[in-house]
Amino acid sequence: LRKAAALTPGQDVMGIDLAGLSERIKTLPWVSRV
């Protein structure tokens, strides 16, 4: 999950692409919806 999210402490919260983050996490085998 940490590798798929690819988030780092201190980065701009407003600059995080929520749609892209959701798509990356959805590729994990156990995840049905996110």
PDB file of all heavy atoms in Angstrom:
ATOM      1  N   LEU A   1       0.830  -1.208   0.000  1.00  0.00           N
ATOM      2  CA  LEU A   1       0.000   0.000   0.000  1.00  0.00           C
ATOM      3  C   LEU A   1       0.859   1.250   0.000  1.00  0.00           C
ATOM      4  O   LEU A   1       0.583   2.217  -0.717  1.00  0.00           O
ATOM      5  CB  LEU A   1      -0.926  -0.022   1.206  1.00  0.00           C
ATOM      6  CG  LEU A   1      -1.889   1.156   1.352  1.00  0.00           C
ATOM      7  CD1 LEU A   1      -2.796   1.260   0.145  1.00  0.00           C
ATOM      8  CD2 LEU A   1      -2.704   1.015   2.620  1.00  0.00           C
ATOM      9  N   ARG A   2       1.935   1.258   0.796  1.00  0.00           N
ATOM     10  CA  ARG A   2       2.817   2.420   0.852  1.00  0.00           C
ATOM     11  C   ARG A   2       3.492   2.650  -0.501  1.00  0.00           C
ATOM     12  O   ARG A   2       3.640   3.790  -0.952  1.00  0.00           O
ATOM     13  CB  ARG A   2       3.862   2.214   1.942  1.00  0.00           C
ATOM     14  CG  ARG A   2       4.776   3.421   2.138  1.00  0.00           C
ATOM     15  CD  ARG A   2       5.825   3.161   3.202  1.00  0.00           C
ATOM     16  NE  ARG A   2       5.220   3.016   4.529  1.00  0.00           N
ATOM     17  CZ  ARG A   2       5.211   1.888   5.221  1.00  0.00           C
ATOM     18  NH1 ARG A   2       5.771   0.785   4.710  1.00  0.00           N
ATOM     19  NH2 ARG A   2       4.661   1.842   6.416  1.00  0.00           N
ATOM     20  N   LYS A   3       3.900   1.561  -1.163  1.00  0.00           N
ATOM     21  CA  LYS A   3       4.566   1.698  -2.456  1.00  0.00           C
ATOM     22  C   LYS A   3       3.597   2.212  -3.517  1.00  0.00           C
ATOM     23  O   LYS A   3       3.960   3.050  -4.351  1.00  0.00           O
ATOM     24  CB  LYS A   3       5.140   0.347  -2.875  1.00  0.00           C
ATOM     25  CG  LYS A   3       5.918   0.386  -4.181  1.00  0.00           C
ATOM     26  CD  LYS A   3       6.516  -0.971  -4.493  1.00  0.00           C
ATOM     27  CE  LYS A   3       7.285  -0.944  -5.808  1.00  0.00           C
ATOM     28  NZ  LYS A   3       7.877  -2.277  -6.124  1.00  0.00           N
ATOM     29  N   ALA A   4       2.359   1.724  -3.500  1.00  0.00           N
ATOM     30  CA  ALA A   4       1.381   2.164  -4.498  1.00  0.00           C
ATOM     31  C   ALA A   4       0.990   3.621  -4.269  1.00  0.00           C
ATOM     32  O   ALA A   4       0.793   4.371  -5.228  1.00  0.00           O
ATOM     33  CB  ALA A   4       0.154   1.274  -4.448  1.00  0.00           C
ATOM     34  N   ALA A   5       0.882   4.043  -3.016  1.00  0.00           N
ATOM     35  CA  ALA A   5       0.484   5.420  -2.731  1.00  0.00           C
ATOM     36  C   ALA A   5       1.565   6.412  -3.137  1.00  0.00           C
ATOM     37  O   ALA A   5       1.268   7.497  -3.651  1.00  0.00           O
ATOM     38  CB  ALA A   5       0.151   5.565  -1.251  1.00  0.00           C
ATOM     39  N   ALA A   6       2.830   6.068  -2.899  1.00  0.00           N
ATOM     40  CA  ALA A   6       3.966   6.931  -3.283  1.00  0.00           C
ATOM     41  C   ALA A   6       3.839   8.338  -2.709  1.00  0.00           C
ATOM     42  O   ALA A   6       4.070   9.337  -3.394  1.00  0.00           O
ATOM     43  CB  ALA A   6       4.108   6.979  -4.806  1.00  0.00           C
ATOM     44  N   LEU A   7       3.459   8.426  -1.444  1.00  0.00           N
ATOM     45  CA  LEU A   7       3.362   9.714  -0.756  1.00  0.00           C
ATOM     46  C   LEU A   7       4.587   9.920   0.120  1.00  0.00           C
ATOM     47  O   LEU A   7       5.117   8.961   0.686  1.00  0.00           O
ATOM     48  CB  LEU A   7       2.094   9.765   0.101  1.00  0.00           C
ATOM     49  CG  LEU A   7       0.758   9.667  -0.645  1.00  0.00           C
ATOM     50  CD1 LEU A   7      -0.398   9.588   0.338  1.00  0.00           C
ATOM     51  CD2 LEU A   7       0.581  10.838  -1.599  1.00  0.00           C
ATOM     52  N   THR A   8       5.009  11.162   0.225  1.00  0.00           N
ATOM     53  CA  THR A   8       6.173  11.486   1.039  1.00  0.00           C
ATOM     54  C   THR A   8       5.813  12.562   2.045  1.00  0.00           C
ATOM     55  O   THR A   8       5.066  13.503   1.725  1.00  0.00           O
ATOM     56  CB  THR A   8       7.335  11.982   0.162  1.00  0.00           C
ATOM     57  OG1 THR A   8       6.894  13.099  -0.615  1.00  0.00           O
ATOM     58  CG2 THR A   8       7.802  10.877  -0.770  1.00  0.00           C
ATOM     59  N   PRO A   9       6.312  12.470   3.256  1.00  0.00           N
ATOM     60  CA  PRO A   9       6.022  13.503   4.261  1.00  0.00           C
ATOM     61  C   PRO A   9       6.535  14.865   3.815  1.00  0.00           C
ATOM     62  O   PRO A   9       7.608  14.987   3.227  1.00  0.00           O
ATOM     63  CB  PRO A   9       6.766  13.001   5.499  1.00  0.00           C
ATOM     64  CG  PRO A   9       6.963  11.535   5.278  1.00  0.00           C
ATOM     65  CD  PRO A   9       7.131  11.369   3.799  1.00  0.00           C
ATOM     66  N   GLY A  10       5.761  15.888   4.077  1.00  0.00           N
ATOM     67  CA  GLY A  10       6.159  17.250   3.749  1.00  0.00           C
ATOM     68  C   GLY A  10       5.720  17.737   2.392  1.00  0.00           C
ATOM     69  O   GLY A  10       5.864  18.932   2.102  1.00  0.00           O
ATOM     70  N   GLN A  11       5.202  16.864   1.552  1.00  0.00           N
ATOM     71  CA  GLN A  11       4.790  17.330   0.231  1.00  0.00           C
ATOM     72  C   GLN A  11       3.505  18.147   0.333  1.00  0.00           C
ATOM     73  O   GLN A  11       2.765  18.069   1.316  1.00  0.00           O
ATOM     74  CB  GLN A  11       4.614  16.157  -0.733  1.00  0.00           C
ATOM     75  CG  GLN A  11       3.410  15.289  -0.484  1.00  0.00           C
ATOM     76  CD  GLN A  11       3.298  14.167  -1.516  1.00  0.00           C
ATOM     77  OE1 GLN A  11       3.611  13.020  -1.227  1.00  0.00           O
ATOM     78  NE2 GLN A  11       2.861  14.509  -2.720  1.00  0.00           N
ATOM     79  N   ASP A  12       3.259  18.943  -0.706  1.00  0.00           N
ATOM     80  CA  ASP A  12       2.106  19.846  -0.720  1.00  0.00           C
ATOM     81  C   ASP A  12       0.815  19.034  -0.724  1.00  0.00           C
ATOM     82  O   ASP A  12       0.560  18.256  -1.647  1.00  0.00           O
ATOM     83  CB  ASP A  12       2.186  20.738  -1.956  1.00  0.00           C
ATOM     84  CG  ASP A  12       1.027  21.719  -2.032  1.00  0.00           C
ATOM     85  OD1 ASP A  12       0.343  21.888  -1.008  1.00  0.00           O
ATOM     86  OD2 ASP A  12       0.825  22.302  -3.102  1.00  0.00           O
ATOM     87  N   VAL A  13      -0.015  19.217   0.293  1.00  0.00           N
ATOM     88  CA  VAL A  13      -1.276  18.479   0.372  1.00  0.00           C
ATOM     89  C   VAL A  13      -2.191  18.852  -0.790  1.00  0.00           C
ATOM     90  O   VAL A  13      -2.855  17.987  -1.379  1.00  0.00           O
ATOM     91  CB  VAL A  13      -1.971  18.744   1.719  1.00  0.00           C
ATOM     92  CG1 VAL A  13      -3.369  18.146   1.748  1.00  0.00           C
ATOM     93  CG2 VAL A  13      -1.153  18.180   2.865  1.00  0.00           C
ATOM     94  N   MET A  14      -2.237  20.125  -1.150  1.00  0.00           N
ATOM     95  CA  MET A  14      -3.103  20.562  -2.240  1.00  0.00           C
ATOM     96  C   MET A  14      -2.605  20.094  -3.595  1.00  0.00           C
ATOM     97  O   MET A  14      -3.367  20.052  -4.557  1.00  0.00           O
ATOM     98  CB  MET A  14      -3.223  22.096  -2.233  1.00  0.00           C
ATOM     99  CG  MET A  14      -3.840  22.664  -0.959  1.00  0.00           C
ATOM    100  SD  MET A  14      -5.496  22.033  -0.659  1.00  0.00           S
ATOM    101  CE  MET A  14      -6.368  22.671  -2.092  1.00  0.00           C
ATOM    102  N   GLY A  15      -1.355  19.739  -3.690  1.00  0.00           N
ATOM    103  CA  GLY A  15      -0.800  19.286  -4.965  1.00  0.00           C
ATOM    104  C   GLY A  15      -0.930  17.794  -5.204  1.00  0.00           C
ATOM    105  O   GLY A  15      -0.524  17.300  -6.255  1.00  0.00           O
ATOM    106  N   ILE A  16      -1.489  17.032  -4.270  1.00  0.00           N
ATOM    107  CA  ILE A  16      -1.636  15.583  -4.432  1.00  0.00           C
ATOM    108  C   ILE A  16      -2.769  15.293  -5.405  1.00  0.00           C
ATOM    109  O   ILE A  16      -3.884  15.800  -5.268  1.00  0.00           O
ATOM    110  CB  ILE A  16      -1.909  14.916  -3.072  1.00  0.00           C
ATOM    111  CG1 ILE A  16      -0.705  15.119  -2.141  1.00  0.00           C
ATOM    112  CG2 ILE A  16      -2.182  13.429  -3.243  1.00  0.00           C
ATOM    113  CD1 ILE A  16      -0.936  14.584  -0.745  1.00  0.00           C
ATOM    114  N   ASP A  17      -2.487  14.458  -6.403  1.00  0.00           N
ATOM    115  CA  ASP A  17      -3.486  14.044  -7.388  1.00  0.00           C
ATOM    116  C   ASP A  17      -4.318  12.917  -6.786  1.00  0.00           C
ATOM    117  O   ASP A  17      -3.900  11.758  -6.782  1.00  0.00           O
ATOM    118  CB  ASP A  17      -2.800  13.596  -8.676  1.00  0.00           C
ATOM    119  CG  ASP A  17      -3.792  13.171  -9.753  1.00  0.00           C
ATOM    120  OD1 ASP A  17      -5.000  13.402  -9.571  1.00  0.00           O
ATOM    121  OD2 ASP A  17      -3.347  12.590 -10.770  1.00  0.00           O
ATOM    122  N   LEU A  18      -5.495  13.238  -6.274  1.00  0.00           N
ATOM    123  CA  LEU A  18      -6.312  12.239  -5.594  1.00  0.00           C
ATOM    124  C   LEU A  18      -6.810  11.157  -6.553  1.00  0.00           C
ATOM    125  O   LEU A  18      -6.868   9.980  -6.195  1.00  0.00           O
ATOM    126  CB  LEU A  18      -7.506  12.915  -4.918  1.00  0.00           C
ATOM    127  CG  LEU A  18      -7.174  13.943  -3.824  1.00  0.00           C
ATOM    128  CD1 LEU A  18      -8.451  14.436  -3.168  1.00  0.00           C
ATOM    129  CD2 LEU A  18      -6.230  13.361  -2.787  1.00  0.00           C
ATOM    130  N   ALA A  19      -7.166  11.541  -7.784  1.00  0.00           N
ATOM    131  CA  ALA A  19      -7.637  10.555  -8.759  1.00  0.00           C
ATOM    132  C   ALA A  19      -6.525   9.580  -9.124  1.00  0.00           C
ATOM    133  O   ALA A  19      -6.744   8.360  -9.186  1.00  0.00           O
ATOM    134  CB  ALA A  19      -8.172  11.260 -10.005  1.00  0.00           C
ATOM    135  N   GLY A  20      -5.322  10.098  -9.366  1.00  0.00           N
ATOM    136  CA  GLY A  20      -4.198   9.216  -9.679  1.00  0.00           C
ATOM    137  C   GLY A  20      -3.832   8.320  -8.511  1.00  0.00           C
ATOM    138  O   GLY A  20      -3.503   7.144  -8.692  1.00  0.00           O
ATOM    139  N   LEU A  21      -3.882   8.869  -7.301  1.00  0.00           N
ATOM    140  CA  LEU A  21      -3.602   8.070  -6.106  1.00  0.00           C
ATOM    141  C   LEU A  21      -4.613   6.938  -5.965  1.00  0.00           C
ATOM    142  O   LEU A  21      -4.253   5.795  -5.654  1.00  0.00           O
ATOM    143  CB  LEU A  21      -3.638   8.973  -4.871  1.00  0.00           C
ATOM    144  CG  LEU A  21      -3.463   8.310  -3.508  1.00  0.00           C
ATOM    145  CD1 LEU A  21      -2.145   7.551  -3.428  1.00  0.00           C
ATOM    146  CD2 LEU A  21      -3.554   9.346  -2.401  1.00  0.00           C
ATOM    147  N   SER A  22      -5.876   7.221  -6.225  1.00  0.00           N
ATOM    148  CA  SER A  22      -6.912   6.194  -6.147  1.00  0.00           C
ATOM    149  C   SER A  22      -6.682   5.099  -7.174  1.00  0.00           C
ATOM    150  O   SER A  22      -6.831   3.902  -6.872  1.00  0.00           O
ATOM    151  CB  SER A  22      -8.286   6.835  -6.349  1.00  0.00           C
ATOM    152  OG  SER A  22      -9.299   5.857  -6.351  1.00  0.00           O
ATOM    153  N   GLU A  23      -6.324   5.466  -8.390  1.00  0.00           N
ATOM    154  CA  GLU A  23      -6.087   4.462  -9.434  1.00  0.00           C
ATOM    155  C   GLU A  23      -4.899   3.572  -9.104  1.00  0.00           C
ATOM    156  O   GLU A  23      -4.922   2.367  -9.378  1.00  0.00           O
ATOM    157  CB  GLU A  23      -5.866   5.156 -10.779  1.00  0.00           C
ATOM    158  CG  GLU A  23      -7.114   5.818 -11.351  1.00  0.00           C
ATOM    159  CD  GLU A  23      -8.213   4.805 -11.622  1.00  0.00           C
ATOM    160  OE1 GLU A  23      -7.897   3.668 -12.015  1.00  0.00           O
ATOM    161  OE2 GLU A  23      -9.388   5.152 -11.419  1.00  0.00           O
ATOM    162  N   ARG A  24      -3.855   4.129  -8.515  1.00  0.00           N
ATOM    163  CA  ARG A  24      -2.679   3.312  -8.164  1.00  0.00           C
ATOM    164  C   ARG A  24      -3.031   2.301  -7.071  1.00  0.00           C
ATOM    165  O   ARG A  24      -2.620   1.145  -7.109  1.00  0.00           O
ATOM    166  CB  ARG A  24      -1.536   4.220  -7.703  1.00  0.00           C
ATOM    167  CG  ARG A  24      -0.961   5.092  -8.803  1.00  0.00           C
ATOM    168  CD  ARG A  24       0.388   5.674  -8.392  1.00  0.00           C
ATOM    169  NE  ARG A  24       0.324   6.446  -7.168  1.00  0.00           N
ATOM    170  CZ  ARG A  24       0.042   7.749  -7.115  1.00  0.00           C
ATOM    171  NH1 ARG A  24      -0.245   8.400  -8.224  1.00  0.00           N
ATOM    172  NH2 ARG A  24       0.025   8.392  -5.965  1.00  0.00           N
ATOM    173  N   ILE A  25      -3.781   2.739  -6.075  1.00  0.00           N
ATOM    174  CA  ILE A  25      -4.147   1.826  -4.982  1.00  0.00           C
ATOM    175  C   ILE A  25      -5.107   0.754  -5.478  1.00  0.00           C
ATOM    176  O   ILE A  25      -5.081  -0.395  -5.012  1.00  0.00           O
ATOM    177  CB  ILE A  25      -4.761   2.627  -3.821  1.00  0.00           C
ATOM    178  CG1 ILE A  25      -3.714   3.581  -3.238  1.00  0.00           C
ATOM    179  CG2 ILE A  25      -5.298   1.712  -2.736  1.00  0.00           C
ATOM    180  CD1 ILE A  25      -4.240   4.477  -2.139  1.00  0.00           C
ATOM    181  N   LYS A  26      -5.945   1.090  -6.450  1.00  0.00           N
ATOM    182  CA  LYS A  26      -6.925   0.133  -6.952  1.00  0.00           C
ATOM    183  C   LYS A  26      -6.267  -1.039  -7.684  1.00  0.00           C
ATOM    184  O   LYS A  26      -6.894  -2.091  -7.889  1.00  0.00           O
ATOM    185  CB  LYS A  26      -7.909   0.848  -7.884  1.00  0.00           C
ATOM    186  CG  LYS A  26      -9.195   0.068  -8.146  1.00  0.00           C
ATOM    187  CD  LYS A  26     -10.120   0.844  -9.073  1.00  0.00           C
ATOM    188  CE  LYS A  26     -10.567   2.140  -8.428  1.00  0.00           C
ATOM    189  NZ  LYS A  26     -11.534   2.871  -9.280  1.00  0.00           N
ATOM    190  N   THR A  27      -5.014  -0.899  -8.099  1.00  0.00           N
ATOM    191  CA  THR A  27      -4.329  -1.993  -8.780  1.00  0.00           C
ATOM    192  C   THR A  27      -3.869  -3.089  -7.815  1.00  0.00           C
ATOM    193  O   THR A  27      -3.478  -4.164  -8.270  1.00  0.00           O
ATOM    194  CB  THR A  27      -3.100  -1.455  -9.541  1.00  0.00           C
ATOM    195  OG1 THR A  27      -2.190  -0.831  -8.605  1.00  0.00           O
ATOM    196  CG2 THR A  27      -3.520  -0.422 -10.575  1.00  0.00           C
ATOM    197  N   LEU A  28      -3.928  -2.847  -6.524  1.00  0.00           N
ATOM    198  CA  LEU A  28      -3.535  -3.868  -5.556  1.00  0.00           C
ATOM    199  C   LEU A  28      -4.547  -5.014  -5.580  1.00  0.00           C
ATOM    200  O   LEU A  28      -5.756  -4.799  -5.694  1.00  0.00           O
ATOM    201  CB  LEU A  28      -3.443  -3.266  -4.156  1.00  0.00           C
ATOM    202  CG  LEU A  28      -2.401  -2.162  -3.988  1.00  0.00           C
ATOM    203  CD1 LEU A  28      -2.471  -1.558  -2.589  1.00  0.00           C
ATOM    204  CD2 LEU A  28      -1.004  -2.695  -4.266  1.00  0.00           C
ATOM    205  N   PRO A  29      -4.081  -6.271  -5.489  1.00  0.00           N
ATOM    206  CA  PRO A  29      -4.976  -7.417  -5.730  1.00  0.00           C
ATOM    207  C   PRO A  29      -6.145  -7.533  -4.765  1.00  0.00           C
ATOM    208  O   PRO A  29      -7.230  -7.969  -5.157  1.00  0.00           O
ATOM    209  CB  PRO A  29      -4.029  -8.623  -5.609  1.00  0.00           C
ATOM    210  CG  PRO A  29      -2.841  -8.129  -4.846  1.00  0.00           C
ATOM    211  CD  PRO A  29      -2.697  -6.694  -5.207  1.00  0.00           C
ATOM    212  N   TRP A  30      -5.968  -7.159  -3.498  1.00  0.00           N
ATOM    213  CA  TRP A  30      -7.050  -7.313  -2.540  1.00  0.00           C
ATOM    214  C   TRP A  30      -8.070  -6.182  -2.588  1.00  0.00           C
ATOM    215  O   TRP A  30      -9.161  -6.277  -2.035  1.00  0.00           O
ATOM    216  CB  TRP A  30      -6.495  -7.398  -1.115  1.00  0.00           C
ATOM    217  CG  TRP A  30      -6.030  -8.768  -0.723  1.00  0.00           C
ATOM    218  CD1 TRP A  30      -4.750  -9.169  -0.489  1.00  0.00           C
ATOM    219  CD2 TRP A  30      -6.845  -9.929  -0.515  1.00  0.00           C
ATOM    220  NE1 TRP A  30      -4.708 -10.493  -0.155  1.00  0.00           N
ATOM    221  CE2 TRP A  30      -5.983 -10.986  -0.160  1.00  0.00           C
ATOM    222  CE3 TRP A  30      -8.216 -10.184  -0.603  1.00  0.00           C
ATOM    223  CZ2 TRP A  30      -6.447 -12.271   0.111  1.00  0.00           C
ATOM    224  CZ3 TRP A  30      -8.680 -11.457  -0.338  1.00  0.00           C
ATOM    225  CH2 TRP A  30      -7.802 -12.488   0.013  1.00  0.00           C
ATOM    226  N   VAL A  31      -7.730  -5.079  -3.253  1.00  0.00           N
ATOM    227  CA  VAL A  31      -8.570  -3.878  -3.223  1.00  0.00           C
ATOM    228  C   VAL A  31      -9.688  -4.008  -4.253  1.00  0.00           C
ATOM    229  O   VAL A  31      -9.438  -4.198  -5.445  1.00  0.00           O
ATOM    230  CB  VAL A  31      -7.739  -2.613  -3.488  1.00  0.00           C
ATOM    231  CG1 VAL A  31      -8.634  -1.382  -3.539  1.00  0.00           C
ATOM    232  CG2 VAL A  31      -6.688  -2.454  -2.398  1.00  0.00           C
ATOM    233  N   SER A  32     -10.931  -3.890  -3.775  1.00  0.00           N
ATOM    234  CA  SER A  32     -12.096  -3.880  -4.661  1.00  0.00           C
ATOM    235  C   SER A  32     -12.516  -2.462  -5.023  1.00  0.00           C
ATOM    236  O   SER A  32     -12.848  -2.176  -6.163  1.00  0.00           O
ATOM    237  CB  SER A  32     -13.264  -4.618  -3.996  1.00  0.00           C
ATOM    238  OG  SER A  32     -14.443  -4.501  -4.757  1.00  0.00           O
ATOM    239  N   ARG A  33     -12.492  -1.558  -4.041  1.00  0.00           N
ATOM    240  CA  ARG A  33     -12.880  -0.163  -4.258  1.00  0.00           C
ATOM    241  C   ARG A  33     -12.109   0.713  -3.292  1.00  0.00           C
ATOM    242  O   ARG A  33     -11.758   0.275  -2.189  1.00  0.00           O
ATOM    243  CB  ARG A  33     -14.391   0.013  -4.056  1.00  0.00           C
ATOM    244  CG  ARG A  33     -14.939   1.374  -4.456  1.00  0.00           C
ATOM    245  CD  ARG A  33     -16.457   1.332  -4.592  1.00  0.00           C
ATOM    246  NE  ARG A  33     -17.105   1.123  -3.309  1.00  0.00           N
ATOM    247  CZ  ARG A  33     -17.549   2.106  -2.536  1.00  0.00           C
ATOM    248  NH1 ARG A  33     -17.382   3.375  -2.909  1.00  0.00           N
ATOM    249  NH2 ARG A  33     -18.153   1.853  -1.395  1.00  0.00           N
ATOM    250  N   VAL A  34     -11.837   1.941  -3.705  1.00  0.00           N
ATOM    251  CA  VAL A  34     -11.064   2.851  -2.868  1.00  0.00           C
ATOM    252  C   VAL A  34     -11.585   4.268  -3.044  1.00  0.00           C
ATOM    253  O   VAL A  34     -11.985   4.661  -4.142  1.00  0.00           O
ATOM    254  CB  VAL A  34      -9.555   2.773  -3.214  1.00  0.00           C
ATOM    255  CG1 VAL A  34      -9.307   3.144  -4.670  1.00  0.00           C
ATOM    256  CG2 VAL A  34      -8.752   3.667  -2.297  1.00  0.00           C
TER     257      VAL A  34
END
